Amino acid sequence: MTKTIKTLILITLFSCLKEEAIPITTAFDFEIINNDFTVPVKIVITNNSKGAESYLWTLKGSDLDSLTEISPPIATYDKAGEYIIKLNTSNLDLEKGELEKTFTIYDNINTSFAMEVIDSNYPPVEVIFTNNTVGANRFLWTFEDANIVSTVSQHPDNVVFETPGIHNILLEVGNGMEEYSYTSQVEVLDDIEIGFSHSVAFEDMDYQVPVTINYADESISATGYKWTFEGGEPATSTIANPSVVYSTSGTYTVSLEISNDKKARILSKEVTLLPDTNIYKYNDIKLGINIAHNNNEIGAFFSTITGEVYNKEQVANVDGKLIDICFFGLNSGFSFNQFISPTTVSDFTFYTIEGATYTQFINLQESCLCTASMTISEFDLISDESGFNINIEETFEGLQEFDNNQVPRIVLFKTYDGRKGAIKVKEFVDQGTDSYIVIDIKVQKLQS
């Protein structure tokens, strides 16, 4: 009986020593390196499983595909898409586990677009935009100062820009994980504007026929020109800056039509041309005393050809033979005044004029012992060359100086090329070292 009881106790004890199965917890984490979800994507996987003794990783689409390591090496995915990382675990107790995790990777975004301007950059400017972006599924266009402010279309309609200047274009793209942008600019040239001016050479400043007028285009954004010259030769022109000869006096219309490939404009003006009197008239000319001239304040030399006054510094830049009137004023009191030939200026505190020619003067008609004579009223009545039917011959007595007691005073002269003229001294102005006289001049034109 005792033996039997002992045997039962042993059997019971051995039954209590039977092993229990070890459970499995299947777990893992993964990390996208640099959080970059665009191909190529690299993934680090960390195995957090417990109770497992064998592992089967399935990484389809990667460079690893499948493997049995506890923790796999870095996996690389080269194509965009949705992928599954799958882990199967097991142990000797026949316990099993399985876990899947899904993620999405995207194509690498390459952002760009092309622009094509239709016709030209003169307003309005119509532009075709071609979106060349790769790897994006979201688009936002922004157009500065355009008819379309913004659009989410992948391929926008043609965009029109009206305002001259530089306009910014912005394309923002994304794929759900990353965003990029691309910028460019569109230039709109100035809108078309019309304008023109004209000028003449100094010999035509009186606008007496025949006269050559030089027209200058001052338009903006013009590419084509069509001029029409009433009464002129040529009558038409298609160049920007033509020259036109008028031979008959009168008032004529000048028209300019400009254009570019978008717009056109037309402008007309009138020009009045006078009959030829064969004389030049210069009014209110100021000639300085000697110190004003030599200090380059008010010139004492004048050209009846150019109609310009020249001071000491300016004389060096002009052809000396063009200067035909020179004035010497001793001081601001005007006690000694004399018109002198350009060839004799070095005798009167002035520098020599290179290339100077001789001009005869009659400063004192009242004591010249000559036949030449012109009164103030006769000077005022001169309207053409017939007013100079007088014999002007320089004499010693007539060349002498004058003071400021007689105002106005008429001084006669004859240039080296035979042109006769008269000077009306109207005013003596005392301004210290900047003192000057005010004169009117009438002189015959140079015959061609």
Protein backbone atom coordinates (compact mmCIF):
# COMPACT_ATOMS: atom_id res chain seq x y z
CA MET A 1 0.00 0.00 0.00
CA THR A 2 2.77 2.38 0.91
CA LYS A 3 4.65 1.65 -2.30
CA THR A 4 1.61 2.35 -4.39
CA ILE A 5 1.09 5.77 -2.79
CA LYS A 6 4.68 6.80 -3.49
CA THR A 7 4.32 5.92 -7.14
CA LEU A 8 1.22 8.10 -7.54
CA ILE A 9 3.00 11.07 -5.97
CA LEU A 10 5.88 10.80 -8.44
CA ILE A 11 3.56 10.63 -11.41
CA THR A 12 1.76 13.75 -10.20
CA LEU A 13 5.02 15.63 -9.77
CA PHE A 14 6.28 14.81 -13.27
CA SER A 15 2.95 15.93 -14.75
CA CYS A 16 3.39 19.40 -13.21
CA LEU A 17 6.82 19.82 -14.89
CA LYS A 18 5.39 19.87 -18.52
CA GLU A 19 6.70 23.07 -20.57
CA GLU A 20 4.38 25.89 -21.69
CA ALA A 21 4.68 27.44 -25.33
CA ILE A 22 6.48 30.85 -25.62
CA PRO A 23 4.25 33.52 -27.27
CA ILE A 24 5.49 35.77 -30.12
CA THR A 25 5.06 39.53 -30.41
CA THR A 26 5.74 40.63 -34.00
CA ALA A 27 6.72 44.28 -34.28
CA PHE A 28 8.98 46.54 -36.34
CA ASP A 29 9.43 50.20 -37.21
CA PHE A 30 10.85 51.84 -40.33
CA GLU A 31 12.25 55.26 -41.10
CA ILE A 32 12.60 57.06 -44.45
CA ILE A 33 16.14 58.40 -44.52
CA ASN A 34 16.14 62.23 -44.55
CA ASN A 35 12.35 62.01 -44.69
CA ASP A 36 12.74 62.03 -48.47
CA PHE A 37 9.77 60.27 -50.06
CA THR A 38 10.92 60.84 -53.65
CA VAL A 39 12.86 58.19 -55.51
CA PRO A 40 15.35 56.84 -54.83
CA VAL A 41 14.05 56.21 -51.30
CA LYS A 42 16.15 54.51 -48.62
CA ILE A 43 14.49 52.85 -45.61
CA VAL A 44 15.97 51.77 -42.28
CA ILE A 45 13.99 48.95 -40.60
CA THR A 46 14.18 48.21 -36.86
CA ASN A 47 12.93 44.79 -35.65
CA ASN A 48 11.12 45.07 -32.29
CA SER A 49 9.71 41.53 -32.25
CA LYS A 50 9.80 39.31 -29.09
CA GLY A 51 9.69 35.53 -28.68
CA ALA A 52 10.60 34.80 -32.30
CA GLU A 53 13.48 32.65 -33.45
CA SER A 54 13.13 32.93 -37.23
CA TYR A 55 12.17 35.84 -39.49
CA LEU A 56 11.06 36.25 -43.05
CA TRP A 57 11.08 39.77 -44.45
CA THR A 58 9.28 40.53 -47.69
CA LEU A 59 10.21 43.86 -49.29
CA LYS A 60 8.93 43.57 -52.80
CA GLY A 61 9.97 46.39 -55.11
CA SER A 62 13.17 47.08 -53.20
CA ASP A 63 16.69 45.95 -53.89
CA LEU A 64 16.35 43.31 -51.12
CA ASP A 65 13.07 41.62 -52.08
CA SER A 66 13.13 39.03 -49.24
CA LEU A 67 15.55 37.94 -46.52
CA THR A 68 15.71 36.18 -43.14
CA GLU A 69 17.96 38.40 -41.05
CA ILE A 70 16.73 39.60 -37.70
CA SER A 71 17.01 43.18 -38.95
CA PRO A 72 17.49 43.75 -42.67
CA PRO A 73 20.04 46.22 -44.10
CA ILE A 74 18.96 49.51 -45.64
CA ALA A 75 16.43 48.91 -48.40
CA THR A 76 16.32 51.05 -51.55
CA TYR A 77 13.27 51.73 -53.73
CA ASP A 78 13.82 53.18 -57.20
CA LYS A 79 10.27 53.51 -58.49
CA ALA A 80 7.32 55.48 -57.27
CA GLY A 81 4.35 53.55 -55.90
CA GLU A 82 2.69 52.03 -52.85
CA TYR A 83 4.73 49.35 -51.11
CA ILE A 84 4.28 46.80 -48.28
CA ILE A 85 6.88 45.73 -45.78
CA LYS A 86 5.90 42.32 -44.45
CA LEU A 87 7.44 40.40 -41.51
CA ASN A 88 6.64 36.74 -40.71
CA THR A 89 7.99 35.36 -37.41
CA SER A 90 8.05 31.88 -35.76
CA ASN A 91 9.71 29.86 -33.00
CA LEU A 92 10.26 26.19 -31.97
CA ASP A 93 6.99 26.10 -30.08
CA LEU A 94 5.34 26.52 -33.45
CA GLU A 95 4.20 30.01 -32.53
CA LYS A 96 3.82 32.36 -35.50
CA GLY A 97 3.34 36.10 -36.13
CA GLU A 98 2.79 38.40 -39.07
CA LEU A 99 2.84 42.17 -39.52
CA GLU A 100 2.48 44.41 -42.61
CA LYS A 101 3.07 48.10 -42.99
CA THR A 102 2.29 50.14 -46.07
CA PHE A 103 3.93 53.33 -47.37
CA THR A 104 3.99 55.39 -50.56
CA ILE A 105 6.93 56.90 -52.36
CA TYR A 106 6.83 59.42 -55.17
CA ASP A 107 8.64 60.25 -58.34
CA ASN A 108 11.42 62.81 -58.04
CA ILE A 109 9.98 66.26 -58.93
CA ASN A 110 11.67 68.11 -61.77
CA THR A 111 10.02 71.51 -62.08
CA SER A 112 10.18 73.59 -65.25
CA PHE A 113 8.06 75.29 -67.86
CA ALA A 114 8.58 76.91 -71.24
CA MET A 115 7.16 80.17 -72.58
CA GLU A 116 6.39 81.15 -76.14
CA VAL A 117 5.48 84.76 -76.96
CA ILE A 118 3.03 85.04 -79.82
CA ASP A 119 4.18 87.63 -82.38
CA SER A 120 6.17 90.12 -80.27
CA ASN A 121 6.69 91.69 -76.85
CA TYR A 122 4.75 94.84 -77.75
CA PRO A 123 1.53 95.05 -75.73
CA PRO A 124 -0.71 93.19 -75.55
CA VAL A 125 1.65 90.23 -75.13
CA GLU A 126 0.06 86.78 -75.41
CA VAL A 127 2.11 83.92 -74.01
CA ILE A 128 1.80 80.15 -74.36
CA PHE A 129 2.98 78.28 -71.25
CA THR A 130 4.09 74.66 -71.54
CA ASN A 131 4.42 72.80 -68.24
CA ASN A 132 7.40 70.43 -68.41
CA THR A 133 7.26 69.44 -64.74
CA VAL A 134 7.78 65.73 -63.92
CA GLY A 135 6.73 63.97 -60.73
CA ALA A 136 4.11 66.41 -59.44
CA ASN A 137 0.36 66.05 -59.11
CA ARG A 138 -0.48 69.49 -57.75
CA PHE A 139 0.06 72.76 -59.61
CA LEU A 140 -0.47 76.44 -58.80
CA TRP A 141 0.38 79.14 -61.36
CA THR A 142 0.62 82.83 -60.46
CA PHE A 143 0.84 85.48 -63.19
CA GLU A 144 1.72 89.06 -62.23
CA ASP A 145 -0.48 91.77 -63.83
CA ALA A 146 -2.07 89.41 -66.33
CA ASN A 147 -5.62 88.61 -67.44
CA ILE A 148 -5.30 85.35 -65.48
CA VAL A 149 -4.16 85.99 -61.93
CA SER A 150 -3.72 82.33 -60.94
CA THR A 151 -4.82 78.84 -61.91
CA VAL A 152 -4.39 75.28 -60.64
CA SER A 153 -4.49 73.83 -64.13
CA GLN A 154 -1.49 71.76 -65.10
CA HIS A 155 -1.53 73.38 -68.53
CA PRO A 156 -2.95 76.91 -68.34
CA ASP A 157 -4.72 78.75 -71.13
CA ASN A 158 -2.77 81.43 -72.98
CA VAL A 159 -2.03 84.39 -70.72
CA VAL A 160 -2.17 88.05 -71.83
CA PHE A 161 -0.03 90.85 -70.36
CA GLU A 162 -0.94 94.49 -71.12
CA THR A 163 1.16 96.61 -68.78
CA PRO A 164 4.72 97.50 -69.90
CA GLY A 165 7.47 96.19 -67.65
CA ILE A 166 8.83 92.94 -66.23
CA HIS A 167 6.20 90.48 -64.98
CA ASN A 168 6.98 87.57 -62.64
CA ILE A 169 5.68 84.06 -63.32
CA LEU A 170 5.56 81.53 -60.45
CA LEU A 171 4.77 77.82 -60.73
CA GLU A 172 4.41 75.94 -57.43
CA VAL A 173 4.17 72.12 -57.62
CA GLY A 174 3.89 69.25 -55.15
CA ASN A 175 3.28 65.54 -54.83
CA GLY A 176 1.67 65.37 -51.40
CA MET A 177 4.94 65.11 -49.56
CA GLU A 178 7.24 67.71 -51.10
CA GLU A 179 6.79 71.06 -52.78
CA TYR A 180 8.93 72.93 -55.29
CA SER A 181 8.66 76.14 -57.26
CA TYR A 182 9.96 77.56 -60.53
CA THR A 183 10.01 81.21 -61.58
CA SER A 184 10.53 83.13 -64.78
CA GLN A 185 9.69 86.53 -66.22
CA VAL A 186 7.87 88.03 -69.18
CA GLU A 187 8.88 91.43 -70.54
CA VAL A 188 6.27 93.73 -72.03
CA LEU A 189 7.80 96.55 -74.04
CA ASP A 190 6.54 100.12 -73.88
CA ASP A 191 3.25 100.73 -75.59
CA ILE A 192 3.35 102.54 -78.90
CA GLU A 193 3.51 106.33 -78.71
CA ILE A 194 3.96 108.77 -81.57
CA GLY A 195 5.96 111.95 -81.73
CA PHE A 196 8.37 113.80 -83.99
CA SER A 197 10.29 117.05 -84.15
CA HIS A 198 12.22 118.91 -86.80
CA SER A 199 15.33 121.03 -87.08
CA VAL A 200 17.18 123.06 -89.69
CA ALA A 201 20.80 123.94 -90.26
CA PHE A 202 21.88 127.40 -89.13
CA GLU A 203 21.65 128.75 -92.67
CA ASP A 204 17.94 127.84 -92.72
CA MET A 205 17.03 129.16 -89.28
CA ASP A 206 14.84 131.87 -90.83
CA TYR A 207 12.75 129.17 -92.59
CA GLN A 208 13.01 131.06 -95.88
CA VAL A 209 12.81 128.93 -98.99
CA PRO A 210 14.59 127.03 -100.22
CA VAL A 211 14.95 125.32 -96.86
CA THR A 212 15.96 121.81 -95.82
CA ILE A 213 14.10 120.46 -92.80
CA ASN A 214 15.42 117.46 -90.90
CA TYR A 215 12.61 115.46 -89.30
CA ALA A 216 13.39 113.30 -86.27
CA ASP A 217 11.17 110.48 -85.09
CA GLU A 218 10.58 110.57 -81.33
CA SER A 219 8.11 107.72 -81.21
CA ILE A 220 8.25 104.76 -78.84
CA SER A 221 7.95 101.10 -79.87
CA ALA A 222 7.58 101.84 -83.56
CA THR A 223 8.97 99.48 -86.19
CA GLY A 224 7.39 100.98 -89.29
CA TYR A 225 7.26 104.58 -90.55
CA LYS A 226 5.25 106.31 -93.25
CA TRP A 227 5.87 110.03 -93.71
CA THR A 228 3.89 112.34 -95.99
CA PHE A 229 5.31 115.80 -96.80
CA GLU A 230 2.93 118.21 -98.48
CA GLY A 231 4.90 120.58 -100.71
CA GLY A 232 8.19 118.83 -99.97
CA GLU A 233 10.73 116.75 -101.85
CA PRO A 234 10.55 113.84 -101.38
CA ALA A 235 6.78 113.74 -100.91
CA THR A 236 6.92 110.51 -98.85
CA SER A 237 9.44 108.50 -96.87
CA THR A 238 9.61 105.27 -94.91
CA ILE A 239 12.78 105.93 -92.92
CA ALA A 240 12.76 107.12 -89.32
CA ASN A 241 14.58 110.42 -89.78
CA PRO A 242 14.17 111.88 -93.27
CA SER A 243 15.35 115.21 -94.67
CA VAL A 244 13.00 117.21 -96.90
CA VAL A 245 13.58 120.20 -99.18
CA TYR A 246 10.90 122.89 -99.58
CA SER A 247 11.25 125.30 -102.48
CA THR A 248 7.97 127.21 -102.30
CA SER A 249 6.77 129.33 -99.39
CA GLY A 250 3.52 128.46 -97.65
CA THR A 251 2.04 126.40 -94.81
CA TYR A 252 2.24 122.65 -95.32
CA THR A 253 1.06 119.55 -93.47
CA VAL A 254 3.53 116.91 -92.33
CA SER A 255 2.09 113.52 -91.34
CA LEU A 256 3.74 110.56 -89.70
CA GLU A 257 2.12 107.14 -89.34
CA ILE A 258 3.93 104.65 -87.14
CA SER A 259 3.17 101.01 -86.49
CA ASN A 260 4.35 97.78 -84.97
CA ASP A 261 2.85 94.31 -85.32
CA LYS A 262 0.13 95.18 -82.77
CA LYS A 263 -0.90 98.83 -83.17
CA ALA A 264 -0.61 101.96 -85.31
CA ARG A 265 -0.72 105.70 -84.65
CA ILE A 266 -0.80 108.84 -86.83
CA LEU A 267 0.22 112.44 -86.09
CA SER A 268 0.06 115.56 -88.28
CA LYS A 269 1.69 118.96 -87.83
CA GLU A 270 2.03 122.12 -89.87
CA VAL A 271 5.21 123.88 -90.97
CA THR A 272 5.25 127.43 -92.32
CA LEU A 273 7.94 128.46 -94.81
CA LEU A 274 8.61 132.08 -95.75
CA PRO A 275 9.57 133.78 -99.00
CA ASP A 276 13.29 134.30 -99.47
CA THR A 277 14.39 137.81 -98.47
CA ASN A 278 18.07 136.93 -98.85
CA ILE A 279 18.85 138.44 -95.48
CA TYR A 280 19.32 137.13 -91.97
CA LYS A 281 17.85 138.94 -88.98
CA TYR A 282 19.24 138.49 -85.46
CA ASN A 283 17.59 140.28 -82.56
CA ASP A 284 18.67 141.05 -78.99
CA ILE A 285 22.20 139.69 -79.34
CA LYS A 286 24.37 140.27 -76.27
CA LEU A 287 28.10 141.02 -76.75
CA GLY A 288 30.26 141.37 -73.64
CA ILE A 289 33.01 143.84 -72.90
CA ASN A 290 36.57 142.51 -73.18
CA ILE A 291 36.82 141.20 -69.60
CA ALA A 292 33.43 139.44 -69.83
CA HIS A 293 34.64 137.74 -73.01
CA ASN A 294 38.03 136.72 -71.62
CA ASN A 295 36.42 135.41 -68.42
CA ASN A 296 34.14 133.21 -70.57
CA GLU A 297 31.04 134.87 -69.18
CA ILE A 298 29.60 136.78 -72.19
CA GLY A 299 31.25 136.40 -75.58
CA ALA A 300 32.27 139.35 -77.74
CA PHE A 301 32.50 137.49 -81.07
CA PHE A 302 29.58 136.68 -83.39
CA SER A 303 29.01 134.70 -86.57
CA THR A 304 26.37 135.89 -89.03
CA ILE A 305 26.53 132.41 -90.57
CA THR A 306 25.83 130.33 -87.46
CA GLY A 307 23.96 133.00 -85.51
CA GLU A 308 26.05 132.18 -82.41
CA VAL A 309 28.00 134.24 -79.88
CA TYR A 310 31.44 132.91 -78.88
CA ASN A 311 33.53 133.62 -75.79
CA LYS A 312 37.27 133.08 -75.38
CA GLU A 313 36.99 129.36 -74.65
CA GLN A 314 34.43 128.65 -77.38
CA VAL A 315 36.47 130.29 -80.13
CA ALA A 316 38.94 127.42 -80.02
CA ASN A 317 36.18 125.00 -81.08
CA VAL A 318 34.83 126.91 -84.09
CA ASP A 319 36.13 127.49 -87.61
CA GLY A 320 37.65 130.97 -87.37
CA LYS A 321 36.45 132.05 -90.81
CA LEU A 322 32.83 131.79 -89.60
CA ILE A 323 33.36 134.64 -87.13
CA ASP A 324 32.79 137.97 -88.82
CA ILE A 325 31.77 140.43 -86.05
CA CYS A 326 33.98 141.24 -83.05
CA PHE A 327 33.24 143.86 -80.37
CA PHE A 328 35.73 145.53 -78.06
CA GLY A 329 34.33 147.30 -75.00
CA LEU A 330 36.99 148.77 -72.76
CA ASN A 331 35.04 148.87 -69.51
CA SER A 332 31.62 148.90 -67.87
CA GLY A 333 31.37 152.66 -68.40
CA PHE A 334 31.37 152.10 -72.18
CA SER A 335 33.62 155.11 -72.79
CA PHE A 336 35.50 153.26 -75.54
CA ASN A 337 33.65 150.86 -77.84
CA GLN A 338 34.60 149.57 -81.25
CA PHE A 339 33.56 146.88 -83.71
CA ILE A 340 36.76 145.37 -85.10
CA SER A 341 37.75 142.89 -87.78
CA PRO A 342 38.39 139.30 -86.64
CA THR A 343 41.89 139.66 -88.11
CA THR A 344 42.82 142.44 -85.69
CA VAL A 345 41.50 141.12 -82.35
CA SER A 346 45.00 140.48 -81.00
CA ASP A 347 45.47 144.27 -80.99
CA PHE A 348 42.61 144.59 -78.49
CA THR A 349 43.48 142.20 -75.59
CA PHE A 350 41.97 139.16 -77.37
CA TYR A 351 43.67 135.97 -78.54
CA THR A 352 44.23 135.56 -82.27
CA ILE A 353 41.41 133.82 -84.16
CA GLU A 354 42.84 131.04 -86.29
CA GLY A 355 41.63 131.27 -89.89
CA ALA A 356 40.11 134.72 -89.37
CA THR A 357 38.92 136.78 -92.33
CA TYR A 358 38.66 140.54 -92.70
CA THR A 359 35.43 142.45 -92.03
CA GLN A 360 35.15 146.16 -92.81
CA PHE A 361 33.32 148.36 -90.26
CA ILE A 362 31.95 151.88 -90.19
CA ASN A 363 31.51 152.61 -86.48
CA LEU A 364 31.05 156.36 -86.97
CA GLN A 365 28.85 157.22 -89.93
CA GLU A 366 28.88 160.84 -88.79
CA SER A 367 32.62 161.23 -89.39
CA CYS A 368 33.53 158.44 -91.81
CA LEU A 369 34.18 160.75 -94.81
CA CYS A 370 32.33 158.16 -96.92
CA THR A 371 29.12 157.88 -98.92
CA ALA A 372 27.63 155.07 -96.85
CA SER A 373 24.67 156.11 -94.74
CA MET A 374 21.81 154.38 -92.92
CA THR A 375 19.40 155.86 -90.43
CA ILE A 376 17.65 154.06 -87.62
CA SER A 377 14.33 154.13 -89.45
CA GLU A 378 15.99 152.82 -92.63
CA PHE A 379 17.46 149.92 -90.62
CA ASP A 380 14.06 149.12 -89.14
CA LEU A 381 12.45 149.08 -92.60
CA ILE A 382 14.93 146.60 -94.14
CA SER A 383 12.95 143.51 -95.12
CA ASP A 384 15.07 142.12 -97.93
CA GLU A 385 18.46 142.53 -99.57
CA SER A 386 17.37 145.65 -101.44
CA GLY A 387 17.89 147.56 -98.20
CA PHE A 388 21.64 147.23 -98.70
CA ASN A 389 21.96 149.12 -101.97
CA ILE A 390 24.70 151.20 -100.38
CA ASN A 391 28.44 151.37 -100.83
CA ILE A 392 30.22 150.25 -97.65
CA GLU A 393 33.93 151.05 -97.70
CA GLU A 394 35.95 151.19 -94.50
CA THR A 395 37.82 154.41 -93.70
CA PHE A 396 40.20 155.32 -90.93
CA GLU A 397 37.80 157.95 -89.64
CA GLY A 398 34.77 155.68 -89.76
CA LEU A 399 36.54 152.85 -87.94
CA GLN A 400 37.16 154.87 -84.80
CA GLU A 401 35.62 154.09 -81.41
CA PHE A 402 32.33 155.37 -80.05
CA ASP A 403 30.90 155.90 -76.55
CA ASN A 404 27.45 155.34 -75.11
CA ASN A 405 26.09 158.85 -75.59
CA GLN A 406 24.21 158.04 -78.78
CA VAL A 407 21.59 155.28 -78.46
CA PRO A 408 20.62 153.68 -80.69
CA ARG A 409 23.58 153.70 -83.07
CA ILE A 410 23.86 152.13 -86.55
CA VAL A 411 27.15 150.46 -87.45
CA LEU A 412 27.69 149.27 -91.03
CA PHE A 413 29.88 146.35 -92.08
CA LYS A 414 30.91 144.22 -95.06
CA THR A 415 32.30 140.69 -94.70
CA TYR A 416 35.25 139.24 -96.60
CA ASP A 417 32.85 137.45 -98.98
CA GLY A 418 31.06 140.68 -99.91
CA ARG A 419 27.95 140.42 -97.76
CA LYS A 420 26.70 143.76 -96.46
CA GLY A 421 25.12 144.22 -93.06
CA ALA A 422 24.11 146.68 -90.36
CA ILE A 423 24.20 146.59 -86.57
CA LYS A 424 21.76 148.49 -84.40
CA VAL A 425 23.28 149.11 -80.94
CA LYS A 426 20.20 149.34 -78.73
CA GLU A 427 21.45 149.27 -75.16
CA PHE A 428 24.54 149.50 -72.97
CA VAL A 429 24.13 147.36 -69.85
CA ASP A 430 26.43 148.01 -66.88
CA GLN A 431 26.96 144.82 -64.87
CA GLY A 432 30.51 145.37 -63.76
CA THR A 433 32.90 142.83 -65.28
CA ASP A 434 29.91 141.16 -66.97
CA SER A 435 28.75 144.30 -68.80
CA TYR A 436 27.46 143.98 -72.36
CA ILE A 437 25.71 145.67 -75.24
CA VAL A 438 22.44 144.59 -76.86
CA ILE A 439 22.25 144.68 -80.66
CA ASP A 440 20.09 143.73 -83.65
CA ILE A 441 21.76 142.59 -86.86
CA LYS A 442 20.56 142.46 -90.44
CA VAL A 443 22.92 140.97 -93.04
CA GLN A 444 22.79 139.58 -96.55
CA LYS A 445 22.85 135.81 -96.95
CA LEU A 446 25.80 134.01 -98.46
CA GLN A 447 25.05 133.30 -102.12
CA SER A 448 25.45 129.67 -103.10
